[in-house]
């Protein structure tokens, strides 16, 4: 059986149906199954039926084989590897059945986005001193991130001519070079104007990016992360704050305050509404907490 497994791994490599990393993972997953079969005195893949597979899945998920209980992602990968292996056996090894087709993959757990509360965002913005040139620049950075829900790459690639100060919006180039217009509010307008007119103007001829360092060069993604780290520390925020968390906060706060989901989708530059819907789970959890804490029948 191990010889057939080796042939299968060679086949998927030659067929370019997976990377070396994928092939190695498939080998480990399928070999575990073969070891289980041999321990149960089964030496032919044709003898495997749904009952045997069910027993294997029970043992696999329990962690008795891997010494750790498998999460949904790991389990689904194992199942996918064994399904593919049996497709190969059906096609090339005269094995008629595929007992793994009777078992469905488990649903992946939805990972809810981390976000900051409004008070936390507010404290990060207000903790910065506008009379300090570096802090004024940093205040403009975090204000624009929160005002428009920008991705980090969208912020660092922003040019001066991408900002319209008459109608207060930015022209954002997102994924796939797709452009969108995102408006910002007056407070953000005032901070940006002050930064550009008192700090940014010193580098007017060096680079037309909005946010620059003292050498007149565009700030890197890593440097922006360092800025956010320092602001969070200064504001006593005990979270691992990153620029994308501010984007999550933008979306969550809009939905919490009654914004239409499709409008938020447009503002974030999401191609599919389903991507934006992840934030509804956050707001629904908040609403559930209100019901559980305040509704007289929930006591």
C-alpha atoms as a PDB file:
ATOM      1  CA  UNK A   1       0.000   0.000   0.000  1.00  0.00           C
ATOM      2  CA  UNK A   2       2.901   2.345   0.670  1.00  0.00           C
ATOM      3  CA  UNK A   3       4.174   1.651  -2.829  1.00  0.00           C
ATOM      4  CA  UNK A   4       0.815   2.797  -4.237  1.00  0.00           C
ATOM      5  CA  UNK A   5       1.019   5.898  -2.042  1.00  0.00           C
ATOM      6  CA  UNK A   6       4.453   6.698  -3.497  1.00  0.00           C
ATOM      7  CA  UNK A   7       3.026   6.324  -6.999  1.00  0.00           C
ATOM      8  CA  UNK A   8       0.172   8.685  -6.114  1.00  0.00           C
ATOM      9  CA  UNK A   9       2.557  11.346  -4.775  1.00  0.00           C
ATOM     10  CA  UNK A  10       4.647  11.071  -7.959  1.00  0.00           C
ATOM     11  CA  UNK A  11       1.459  11.386  -9.998  1.00  0.00           C
ATOM     12  CA  UNK A  12       0.265  14.613  -8.339  1.00  0.00           C
ATOM     13  CA  UNK A  13       3.730  16.133  -8.650  1.00  0.00           C
ATOM     14  CA  UNK A  14       3.921  15.300 -12.372  1.00  0.00           C
ATOM     15  CA  UNK A  15       0.365  16.509 -12.893  1.00  0.00           C
ATOM     16  CA  UNK A  16       1.322  19.843 -11.286  1.00  0.00           C
ATOM     17  CA  UNK A  17      -1.765  19.555  -9.120  1.00  0.00           C
ATOM     18  CA  UNK A  18       0.041  20.619  -5.976  1.00  0.00           C
ATOM     19  CA  UNK A  19       3.243  22.095  -4.581  1.00  0.00           C
ATOM     20  CA  UNK A  20       5.931  20.058  -2.807  1.00  0.00           C
ATOM     21  CA  UNK A  21       4.474  21.294   0.475  1.00  0.00           C
ATOM     22  CA  UNK A  22       1.028  19.998  -0.520  1.00  0.00           C
ATOM     23  CA  UNK A  23       2.478  16.667  -1.637  1.00  0.00           C
ATOM     24  CA  UNK A  24       4.290  16.257   1.697  1.00  0.00           C
ATOM     25  CA  UNK A  25       1.075  17.026   3.603  1.00  0.00           C
ATOM     26  CA  UNK A  26      -0.855  14.526   1.466  1.00  0.00           C
ATOM     27  CA  UNK A  27       1.771  11.858   2.096  1.00  0.00           C
ATOM     28  CA  UNK A  28       1.575  12.315   5.880  1.00  0.00           C
ATOM     29  CA  UNK A  29      -2.233  12.326   5.910  1.00  0.00           C
ATOM     30  CA  UNK A  30      -2.603   9.235   3.724  1.00  0.00           C
ATOM     31  CA  UNK A  31       0.193   7.309   5.460  1.00  0.00           C
ATOM     32  CA  UNK A  32      -1.626   7.779   8.771  1.00  0.00           C
ATOM     33  CA  UNK A  33      -4.658   6.152   7.170  1.00  0.00           C
ATOM     34  CA  UNK A  34      -2.591   3.265   5.791  1.00  0.00           C
ATOM     35  CA  UNK A  35      -1.039   2.691   9.234  1.00  0.00           C
ATOM     36  CA  UNK A  36      -4.545   2.539  10.685  1.00  0.00           C
ATOM     37  CA  UNK A  37      -5.619  -0.004   8.068  1.00  0.00           C
ATOM     38  CA  UNK A  38      -2.624  -2.233   8.720  1.00  0.00           C
ATOM     39  CA  UNK A  39      -3.231  -2.079  12.469  1.00  0.00           C
ATOM     40  CA  UNK A  40      -6.711  -3.395  11.716  1.00  0.00           C
ATOM     41  CA  UNK A  41      -5.363  -6.164   9.476  1.00  0.00           C
ATOM     42  CA  UNK A  42      -6.536  -4.541   6.229  1.00  0.00           C
ATOM     43  CA  UNK A  43      -3.985  -4.756   3.430  1.00  0.00           C
ATOM     44  CA  UNK A  44      -6.009  -3.894   0.350  1.00  0.00           C
ATOM     45  CA  UNK A  45      -7.732  -0.599  -0.413  1.00  0.00           C
ATOM     46  CA  UNK A  46     -10.604  -2.538  -1.999  1.00  0.00           C
ATOM     47  CA  UNK A  47     -11.517  -3.852   1.458  1.00  0.00           C
ATOM     48  CA  UNK A  48     -12.139  -0.373   2.855  1.00  0.00           C
ATOM     49  CA  UNK A  49     -15.794   0.534   3.354  1.00  0.00           C
ATOM     50  CA  UNK A  50     -17.726   3.356   5.013  1.00  0.00           C
ATOM     51  CA  UNK A  51     -17.682   1.663   8.418  1.00  0.00           C
ATOM     52  CA  UNK A  52     -13.898   1.471   8.451  1.00  0.00           C
ATOM     53  CA  UNK A  53     -13.632   5.061   7.328  1.00  0.00           C
ATOM     54  CA  UNK A  54     -16.078   6.122  10.038  1.00  0.00           C
ATOM     55  CA  UNK A  55     -13.924   4.419  12.664  1.00  0.00           C
ATOM     56  CA  UNK A  56     -10.822   6.105  11.286  1.00  0.00           C
ATOM     57  CA  UNK A  57     -12.436   9.549  11.297  1.00  0.00           C
ATOM     58  CA  UNK A  58     -13.547   9.092  14.916  1.00  0.00           C
ATOM     59  CA  UNK A  59     -10.025   8.158  15.997  1.00  0.00           C
ATOM     60  CA  UNK A  60      -8.437  10.900  13.871  1.00  0.00           C
ATOM     61  CA  UNK A  61     -10.661  13.681  15.216  1.00  0.00           C
ATOM     62  CA  UNK A  62     -10.172  12.543  18.799  1.00  0.00           C
ATOM     63  CA  UNK A  63      -6.435  13.208  18.560  1.00  0.00           C
ATOM     64  CA  UNK A  64      -5.425   9.630  19.370  1.00  0.00           C
ATOM     65  CA  UNK A  65      -3.426   9.355  16.140  1.00  0.00           C
ATOM     66  CA  UNK A  66      -1.825  12.805  15.992  1.00  0.00           C
ATOM     67  CA  UNK A  67      -1.660  13.355  19.784  1.00  0.00           C
ATOM     68  CA  UNK A  68      -3.612  16.559  19.290  1.00  0.00           C
ATOM     69  CA  UNK A  69      -7.287  17.090  18.556  1.00  0.00           C
ATOM     70  CA  UNK A  70      -7.672  18.233  14.962  1.00  0.00           C
ATOM     71  CA  UNK A  71      -9.295  21.567  14.236  1.00  0.00           C
ATOM     72  CA  UNK A  72     -11.724  21.877  11.335  1.00  0.00           C
ATOM     73  CA  UNK A  73      -9.094  23.105   8.876  1.00  0.00           C
ATOM     74  CA  UNK A  74      -6.727  20.194   9.560  1.00  0.00           C
ATOM     75  CA  UNK A  75      -9.560  17.675   9.423  1.00  0.00           C
ATOM     76  CA  UNK A  76     -10.790  19.065   6.084  1.00  0.00           C
ATOM     77  CA  UNK A  77      -7.272  18.820   4.661  1.00  0.00           C
ATOM     78  CA  UNK A  78      -7.039  15.165   5.714  1.00  0.00           C
ATOM     79  CA  UNK A  79     -10.409  14.426   4.163  1.00  0.00           C
ATOM     80  CA  UNK A  80      -9.453  16.196   0.938  1.00  0.00           C
ATOM     81  CA  UNK A  81      -6.191  14.239   0.693  1.00  0.00           C
ATOM     82  CA  UNK A  82      -7.944  10.896   1.167  1.00  0.00           C
ATOM     83  CA  UNK A  83     -10.697  11.748  -1.316  1.00  0.00           C
ATOM     84  CA  UNK A  84      -8.067  12.640  -3.915  1.00  0.00           C
ATOM     85  CA  UNK A  85      -6.147   9.483  -3.166  1.00  0.00           C
ATOM     86  CA  UNK A  86      -9.252   7.362  -3.725  1.00  0.00           C
ATOM     87  CA  UNK A  87      -9.999   9.191  -6.973  1.00  0.00           C
ATOM     88  CA  UNK A  88      -6.556   8.051  -8.063  1.00  0.00           C
ATOM     89  CA  UNK A  89      -7.291   4.480  -6.916  1.00  0.00           C
ATOM     90  CA  UNK A  90     -10.614   4.533  -8.816  1.00  0.00           C
ATOM     91  CA  UNK A  91      -8.942   5.684 -11.983  1.00  0.00           C
ATOM     92  CA  UNK A  92      -5.715   3.707 -12.012  1.00  0.00           C
ATOM     93  CA  UNK A  93      -5.890   0.869  -9.467  1.00  0.00           C
ATOM     94  CA  UNK A  94      -9.248  -0.771 -10.252  1.00  0.00           C
ATOM     95  CA  UNK A  95     -10.740   0.240  -6.909  1.00  0.00           C
ATOM     96  CA  UNK A  96     -14.435   0.750  -7.536  1.00  0.00           C
ATOM     97  CA  UNK A  97     -15.638   2.630  -4.490  1.00  0.00           C
ATOM     98  CA  UNK A  98     -14.630   5.866  -2.788  1.00  0.00           C
ATOM     99  CA  UNK A  99     -15.851   5.570   0.815  1.00  0.00           C
ATOM    100  CA  UNK A 100     -14.674   9.069   1.673  1.00  0.00           C
ATOM    101  CA  UNK A 101     -17.277  10.619  -0.613  1.00  0.00           C
ATOM    102  CA  UNK A 102     -19.903   9.801   2.005  1.00  0.00           C
ATOM    103  CA  UNK A 103     -18.290  12.202   4.482  1.00  0.00           C
ATOM    104  CA  UNK A 104     -18.655  15.957   4.247  1.00  0.00           C
ATOM    105  CA  UNK A 105     -16.076  18.521   5.199  1.00  0.00           C
ATOM    106  CA  UNK A 106     -16.819  20.447   8.359  1.00  0.00           C
ATOM    107  CA  UNK A 107     -17.617  24.122   8.153  1.00  0.00           C
ATOM    108  CA  UNK A 108     -14.722  26.413   8.830  1.00  0.00           C
ATOM    109  CA  UNK A 109     -15.130  28.509  11.925  1.00  0.00           C
ATOM    110  CA  UNK A 110     -15.772  32.128  11.114  1.00  0.00           C
ATOM    111  CA  UNK A 111     -12.936  34.237  12.433  1.00  0.00           C
ATOM    112  CA  UNK A 112     -14.438  37.505  13.537  1.00  0.00           C
ATOM    113  CA  UNK A 113     -12.346  40.591  12.816  1.00  0.00           C
ATOM    114  CA  UNK A 114     -10.651  42.297  15.745  1.00  0.00           C
ATOM    115  CA  UNK A 115     -11.619  45.922  16.186  1.00  0.00           C
ATOM    116  CA  UNK A 116     -11.159  48.825  18.559  1.00  0.00           C
ATOM    117  CA  UNK A 117     -13.946  50.588  20.400  1.00  0.00           C
ATOM    118  CA  UNK A 118     -14.741  54.168  19.481  1.00  0.00           C
ATOM    119  CA  UNK A 119     -13.233  55.344  22.779  1.00  0.00           C
ATOM    120  CA  UNK A 120      -9.998  53.503  21.999  1.00  0.00           C
ATOM    121  CA  UNK A 121      -9.792  55.058  18.533  1.00  0.00           C
ATOM    122  CA  UNK A 122     -10.620  58.438  20.040  1.00  0.00           C
ATOM    123  CA  UNK A 123      -7.868  58.140  22.641  1.00  0.00           C
ATOM    124  CA  UNK A 124      -5.297  57.127  20.003  1.00  0.00           C
ATOM    125  CA  UNK A 125      -6.114  60.210  17.940  1.00  0.00           C
ATOM    126  CA  UNK A 126      -6.314  62.653  20.852  1.00  0.00           C
ATOM    127  CA  UNK A 127      -3.146  61.476  22.605  1.00  0.00           C
ATOM    128  CA  UNK A 128      -1.046  62.998  19.801  1.00  0.00           C
ATOM    129  CA  UNK A 129       0.285  66.558  20.072  1.00  0.00           C
ATOM    130  CA  UNK A 130      -0.396  68.616  16.946  1.00  0.00           C
ATOM    131  CA  UNK A 131       2.414  71.010  17.873  1.00  0.00           C
ATOM    132  CA  UNK A 132       4.932  68.191  17.408  1.00  0.00           C
ATOM    133  CA  UNK A 133       5.665  67.664  13.694  1.00  0.00           C
ATOM    134  CA  UNK A 134       6.053  63.879  13.891  1.00  0.00           C
ATOM    135  CA  UNK A 135       2.949  63.489  16.029  1.00  0.00           C
ATOM    136  CA  UNK A 136       0.947  65.761  13.718  1.00  0.00           C
ATOM    137  CA  UNK A 137       1.914  63.509  10.806  1.00  0.00           C
ATOM    138  CA  UNK A 138       1.015  60.416  12.843  1.00  0.00           C
ATOM    139  CA  UNK A 139      -2.308  61.976  13.809  1.00  0.00           C
ATOM    140  CA  UNK A 140      -3.053  62.595  10.138  1.00  0.00           C
ATOM    141  CA  UNK A 141      -2.202  58.960   9.386  1.00  0.00           C
ATOM    142  CA  UNK A 142      -4.468  57.396  12.004  1.00  0.00           C
ATOM    143  CA  UNK A 143      -7.228  59.930  11.312  1.00  0.00           C
ATOM    144  CA  UNK A 144      -7.273  59.068   7.609  1.00  0.00           C
ATOM    145  CA  UNK A 145      -7.080  55.315   8.268  1.00  0.00           C
ATOM    146  CA  UNK A 146     -10.115  55.523  10.523  1.00  0.00           C
ATOM    147  CA  UNK A 147     -12.026  58.104   8.498  1.00  0.00           C
ATOM    148  CA  UNK A 148     -11.842  56.097   5.279  1.00  0.00           C
ATOM    149  CA  UNK A 149     -11.167  52.496   6.316  1.00  0.00           C
ATOM    150  CA  UNK A 150      -8.074  52.283   4.142  1.00  0.00           C
ATOM    151  CA  UNK A 151      -5.880  49.244   3.704  1.00  0.00           C
ATOM    152  CA  UNK A 152      -2.269  49.851   4.691  1.00  0.00           C
ATOM    153  CA  UNK A 153      -1.070  49.586   1.075  1.00  0.00           C
ATOM    154  CA  UNK A 154      -3.742  52.082   0.020  1.00  0.00           C
ATOM    155  CA  UNK A 155      -2.509  54.578   2.592  1.00  0.00           C
ATOM    156  CA  UNK A 156       1.195  54.282   1.726  1.00  0.00           C
ATOM    157  CA  UNK A 157       0.490  54.606  -2.021  1.00  0.00           C
ATOM    158  CA  UNK A 158      -1.734  57.684  -1.608  1.00  0.00           C
ATOM    159  CA  UNK A 159      -0.583  60.774  -3.541  1.00  0.00           C
ATOM    160  CA  UNK A 160      -1.394  64.418  -2.924  1.00  0.00           C
ATOM    161  CA  UNK A 161      -3.542  64.652  -6.043  1.00  0.00           C
ATOM    162  CA  UNK A 162      -5.637  61.719  -4.731  1.00  0.00           C
ATOM    163  CA  UNK A 163      -7.137  64.004  -2.080  1.00  0.00           C
ATOM    164  CA  UNK A 164      -9.969  66.412  -2.944  1.00  0.00           C
ATOM    165  CA  UNK A 165     -10.180  69.025  -0.201  1.00  0.00           C
ATOM    166  CA  UNK A 166     -13.085  70.878  -1.814  1.00  0.00           C
ATOM    167  CA  UNK A 167     -15.532  67.978  -1.578  1.00  0.00           C
ATOM    168  CA  UNK A 168     -13.523  66.068   1.063  1.00  0.00           C
ATOM    169  CA  UNK A 169     -12.876  62.659  -0.453  1.00  0.00           C
ATOM    170  CA  UNK A 170      -9.910  60.507  -1.416  1.00  0.00           C
ATOM    171  CA  UNK A 171      -9.447  58.566  -4.629  1.00  0.00           C
ATOM    172  CA  UNK A 172      -8.263  55.169  -3.446  1.00  0.00           C
ATOM    173  CA  UNK A 173      -6.569  52.577  -5.651  1.00  0.00           C
ATOM    174  CA  UNK A 174      -7.386  49.199  -4.142  1.00  0.00           C
ATOM    175  CA  UNK A 175      -6.912  45.562  -5.076  1.00  0.00           C
ATOM    176  CA  UNK A 176      -6.773  44.865  -8.803  1.00  0.00           C
ATOM    177  CA  UNK A 177      -6.022  48.575  -9.390  1.00  0.00           C
ATOM    178  CA  UNK A 178      -9.718  49.335  -8.904  1.00  0.00           C
ATOM    179  CA  UNK A 179     -10.425  52.881  -7.841  1.00  0.00           C
ATOM    180  CA  UNK A 180     -13.106  54.114  -5.465  1.00  0.00           C
ATOM    181  CA  UNK A 181     -14.072  57.426  -3.887  1.00  0.00           C
ATOM    182  CA  UNK A 182     -14.205  57.545  -0.100  1.00  0.00           C
ATOM    183  CA  UNK A 183     -15.354  60.718   1.660  1.00  0.00           C
ATOM    184  CA  UNK A 184     -13.946  61.934   4.967  1.00  0.00           C
ATOM    185  CA  UNK A 185     -15.360  64.185   7.678  1.00  0.00           C
ATOM    186  CA  UNK A 186     -14.372  67.746   8.679  1.00  0.00           C
ATOM    187  CA  UNK A 187     -12.123  66.818  11.590  1.00  0.00           C
ATOM    188  CA  UNK A 188     -10.040  64.621   9.290  1.00  0.00           C
ATOM    189  CA  UNK A 189     -10.014  67.443   6.704  1.00  0.00           C
ATOM    190  CA  UNK A 190      -8.615  69.872   9.278  1.00  0.00           C
ATOM    191  CA  UNK A 191      -5.880  67.501  10.459  1.00  0.00           C
ATOM    192  CA  UNK A 192      -4.785  66.665   6.905  1.00  0.00           C
ATOM    193  CA  UNK A 193      -4.689  70.339   5.863  1.00  0.00           C
ATOM    194  CA  UNK A 194      -2.644  71.284   8.921  1.00  0.00           C
ATOM    195  CA  UNK A 195      -0.197  68.413   8.317  1.00  0.00           C
ATOM    196  CA  UNK A 196       0.216  69.200   4.625  1.00  0.00           C
ATOM    197  CA  UNK A 197       0.598  72.955   5.140  1.00  0.00           C
ATOM    198  CA  UNK A 198       3.007  72.842   8.095  1.00  0.00           C
ATOM    199  CA  UNK A 199       4.945  69.552   7.781  1.00  0.00           C
ATOM    200  CA  UNK A 200       4.378  67.974   4.395  1.00  0.00           C
ATOM    201  CA  UNK A 201       5.082  71.231   2.505  1.00  0.00           C
ATOM    202  CA  UNK A 202       8.764  70.948   3.422  1.00  0.00           C
ATOM    203  CA  UNK A 203       9.049  67.948   1.074  1.00  0.00           C
ATOM    204  CA  UNK A 204       6.894  69.301  -1.723  1.00  0.00           C
ATOM    205  CA  UNK A 205       9.566  68.804  -4.378  1.00  0.00           C
ATOM    206  CA  UNK A 206      10.905  65.472  -3.167  1.00  0.00           C
ATOM    207  CA  UNK A 207       7.995  63.076  -3.482  1.00  0.00           C
ATOM    208  CA  UNK A 208       4.285  63.477  -4.153  1.00  0.00           C
ATOM    209  CA  UNK A 209       3.207  60.764  -1.689  1.00  0.00           C
ATOM    210  CA  UNK A 210       1.097  62.145   1.134  1.00  0.00           C
ATOM    211  CA  UNK A 211       3.010  60.638   4.038  1.00  0.00           C
ATOM    212  CA  UNK A 212       6.775  61.043   4.098  1.00  0.00           C
ATOM    213  CA  UNK A 213       9.676  60.628   6.482  1.00  0.00           C
ATOM    214  CA  UNK A 214      12.195  63.365   7.295  1.00  0.00           C
ATOM    215  CA  UNK A 215      14.224  62.391   4.213  1.00  0.00           C
ATOM    216  CA  UNK A 216      11.263  63.144   1.981  1.00  0.00           C
ATOM    217  CA  UNK A 217      10.657  59.498   1.105  1.00  0.00           C
ATOM    218  CA  UNK A 218       7.337  57.676   1.208  1.00  0.00           C
ATOM    219  CA  UNK A 219       6.720  55.825   4.470  1.00  0.00           C
ATOM    220  CA  UNK A 220       6.920  52.048   4.212  1.00  0.00           C
ATOM    221  CA  UNK A 221       4.259  49.627   5.439  1.00  0.00           C
ATOM    222  CA  UNK A 222       6.565  48.513   8.229  1.00  0.00           C
ATOM    223  CA  UNK A 223       7.189  52.082   9.370  1.00  0.00           C
ATOM    224  CA  UNK A 224       3.442  52.784   9.494  1.00  0.00           C
ATOM    225  CA  UNK A 225       3.015  49.670  11.664  1.00  0.00           C
ATOM    226  CA  UNK A 226       5.715  51.015  13.976  1.00  0.00           C
ATOM    227  CA  UNK A 227       3.857  54.332  14.181  1.00  0.00           C
ATOM    228  CA  UNK A 228       0.593  52.567  15.089  1.00  0.00           C
ATOM    229  CA  UNK A 229       2.427  50.495  17.732  1.00  0.00           C
ATOM    230  CA  UNK A 230       3.810  53.652  19.320  1.00  0.00           C
ATOM    231  CA  UNK A 231       0.447  55.435  19.286  1.00  0.00           C
ATOM    232  CA  UNK A 232      -1.287  52.459  20.915  1.00  0.00           C
ATOM    233  CA  UNK A 233       1.422  52.339  23.592  1.00  0.00           C
ATOM    234  CA  UNK A 234       1.126  56.077  24.222  1.00  0.00           C
ATOM    235  CA  UNK A 235      -2.682  55.758  24.499  1.00  0.00           C
ATOM    236  CA  UNK A 236      -2.412  52.766  26.899  1.00  0.00           C
ATOM    237  CA  UNK A 237      -4.277  50.433  24.520  1.00  0.00           C
ATOM    238  CA  UNK A 238      -3.534  46.899  25.728  1.00  0.00           C
ATOM    239  CA  UNK A 239      -4.130  45.238  22.374  1.00  0.00           C
ATOM    240  CA  UNK A 240      -1.955  44.206  19.462  1.00  0.00           C
ATOM    241  CA  UNK A 241      -3.116  47.105  17.308  1.00  0.00           C
ATOM    242  CA  UNK A 242      -2.367  46.994  13.585  1.00  0.00           C
ATOM    243  CA  UNK A 243      -3.539  49.183  10.680  1.00  0.00           C
ATOM    244  CA  UNK A 244      -6.046  46.590   9.461  1.00  0.00           C
ATOM    245  CA  UNK A 245      -7.672  46.601  12.899  1.00  0.00           C
ATOM    246  CA  UNK A 246      -8.455  50.277  12.320  1.00  0.00           C
ATOM    247  CA  UNK A 247     -10.083  49.324   9.007  1.00  0.00           C
ATOM    248  CA  UNK A 248     -12.122  46.694  10.874  1.00  0.00           C
ATOM    249  CA  UNK A 249     -13.102  49.351  13.407  1.00  0.00           C
ATOM    250  CA  UNK A 250     -14.230  51.702  10.615  1.00  0.00           C
ATOM    251  CA  UNK A 251     -16.565  49.066   9.164  1.00  0.00           C
ATOM    252  CA  UNK A 252     -17.868  47.840  12.516  1.00  0.00           C
ATOM    253  CA  UNK A 253     -18.611  51.324  13.831  1.00  0.00           C
ATOM    254  CA  UNK A 254     -20.457  52.285  10.638  1.00  0.00           C
ATOM    255  CA  UNK A 255     -22.669  49.188  10.827  1.00  0.00           C
ATOM    256  CA  UNK A 256     -23.225  49.689  14.563  1.00  0.00           C
ATOM    257  CA  UNK A 257     -24.557  53.135  13.773  1.00  0.00           C
ATOM    258  CA  UNK A 258     -26.980  52.007  11.083  1.00  0.00           C
ATOM    259  CA  UNK A 259     -24.978  52.244   7.848  1.00  0.00           C
ATOM    260  CA  UNK A 260     -26.265  50.166   4.925  1.00  0.00           C
ATOM    261  CA  UNK A 261     -24.217  47.025   4.319  1.00  0.00           C
ATOM    262  CA  UNK A 262     -23.845  47.699   0.597  1.00  0.00           C
ATOM    263  CA  UNK A 263     -22.620  51.224   1.262  1.00  0.00           C
ATOM    264  CA  UNK A 264     -19.975  49.841   3.622  1.00  0.00           C
ATOM    265  CA  UNK A 265     -19.038  47.307   0.932  1.00  0.00           C
ATOM    266  CA  UNK A 266     -18.474  50.160  -1.527  1.00  0.00           C
ATOM    267  CA  UNK A 267     -16.442  52.181   0.979  1.00  0.00           C
ATOM    268  CA  UNK A 268     -14.198  49.218   1.794  1.00  0.00           C
ATOM    269  CA  UNK A 269     -13.729  48.290  -1.861  1.00  0.00           C
ATOM    270  CA  UNK A 270     -14.954  44.721  -1.393  1.00  0.00           C
ATOM    271  CA  UNK A 271     -15.816  42.976  -4.643  1.00  0.00           C
ATOM    272  CA  UNK A 272     -18.235  40.563  -2.945  1.00  0.00           C
ATOM    273  CA  UNK A 273     -20.857  41.450  -0.370  1.00  0.00           C
ATOM    274  CA  UNK A 274     -20.066  38.235   1.498  1.00  0.00           C
ATOM    275  CA  UNK A 275     -16.657  39.683   2.410  1.00  0.00           C
ATOM    276  CA  UNK A 276     -18.321  42.660   4.064  1.00  0.00           C
ATOM    277  CA  UNK A 277     -20.899  40.506   5.822  1.00  0.00           C
ATOM    278  CA  UNK A 278     -18.247  39.251   8.243  1.00  0.00           C
ATOM    279  CA  UNK A 279     -18.723  42.529  10.105  1.00  0.00           C
ATOM    280  CA  UNK A 280     -22.419  41.834  10.632  1.00  0.00           C
ATOM    281  CA  UNK A 281     -21.423  38.945  12.903  1.00  0.00           C
ATOM    282  CA  UNK A 282     -19.623  41.427  15.119  1.00  0.00           C
ATOM    283  CA  UNK A 283     -22.575  43.801  15.308  1.00  0.00           C
ATOM    284  CA  UNK A 284     -25.046  40.945  15.817  1.00  0.00           C
ATOM    285  CA  UNK A 285     -22.957  39.684  18.743  1.00  0.00           C
ATOM    286  CA  UNK A 286     -23.155  43.166  20.218  1.00  0.00           C
ATOM    287  CA  UNK A 287     -26.935  43.240  19.782  1.00  0.00           C
ATOM    288  CA  UNK A 288     -27.258  39.789  21.364  1.00  0.00           C
ATOM    289  CA  UNK A 289     -25.323  41.007  24.390  1.00  0.00           C
ATOM    290  CA  UNK A 290     -27.727  43.936  24.753  1.00  0.00           C
ATOM    291  CA  UNK A 291     -30.691  41.527  24.634  1.00  0.00           C
ATOM    292  CA  UNK A 292     -29.120  39.125  27.112  1.00  0.00           C
ATOM    293  CA  UNK A 293     -28.189  41.921  29.527  1.00  0.00           C
ATOM    294  CA  UNK A 294     -31.353  44.026  29.283  1.00  0.00           C
ATOM    295  CA  UNK A 295     -34.323  41.934  28.173  1.00  0.00           C
ATOM    296  CA  UNK A 296     -36.459  40.889  31.181  1.00  0.00           C
ATOM    297  CA  UNK A 297     -37.169  37.450  29.680  1.00  0.00           C
ATOM    298  CA  UNK A 298     -33.464  36.678  29.287  1.00  0.00           C
ATOM    299  CA  UNK A 299     -32.864  36.653  33.047  1.00  0.00           C
END
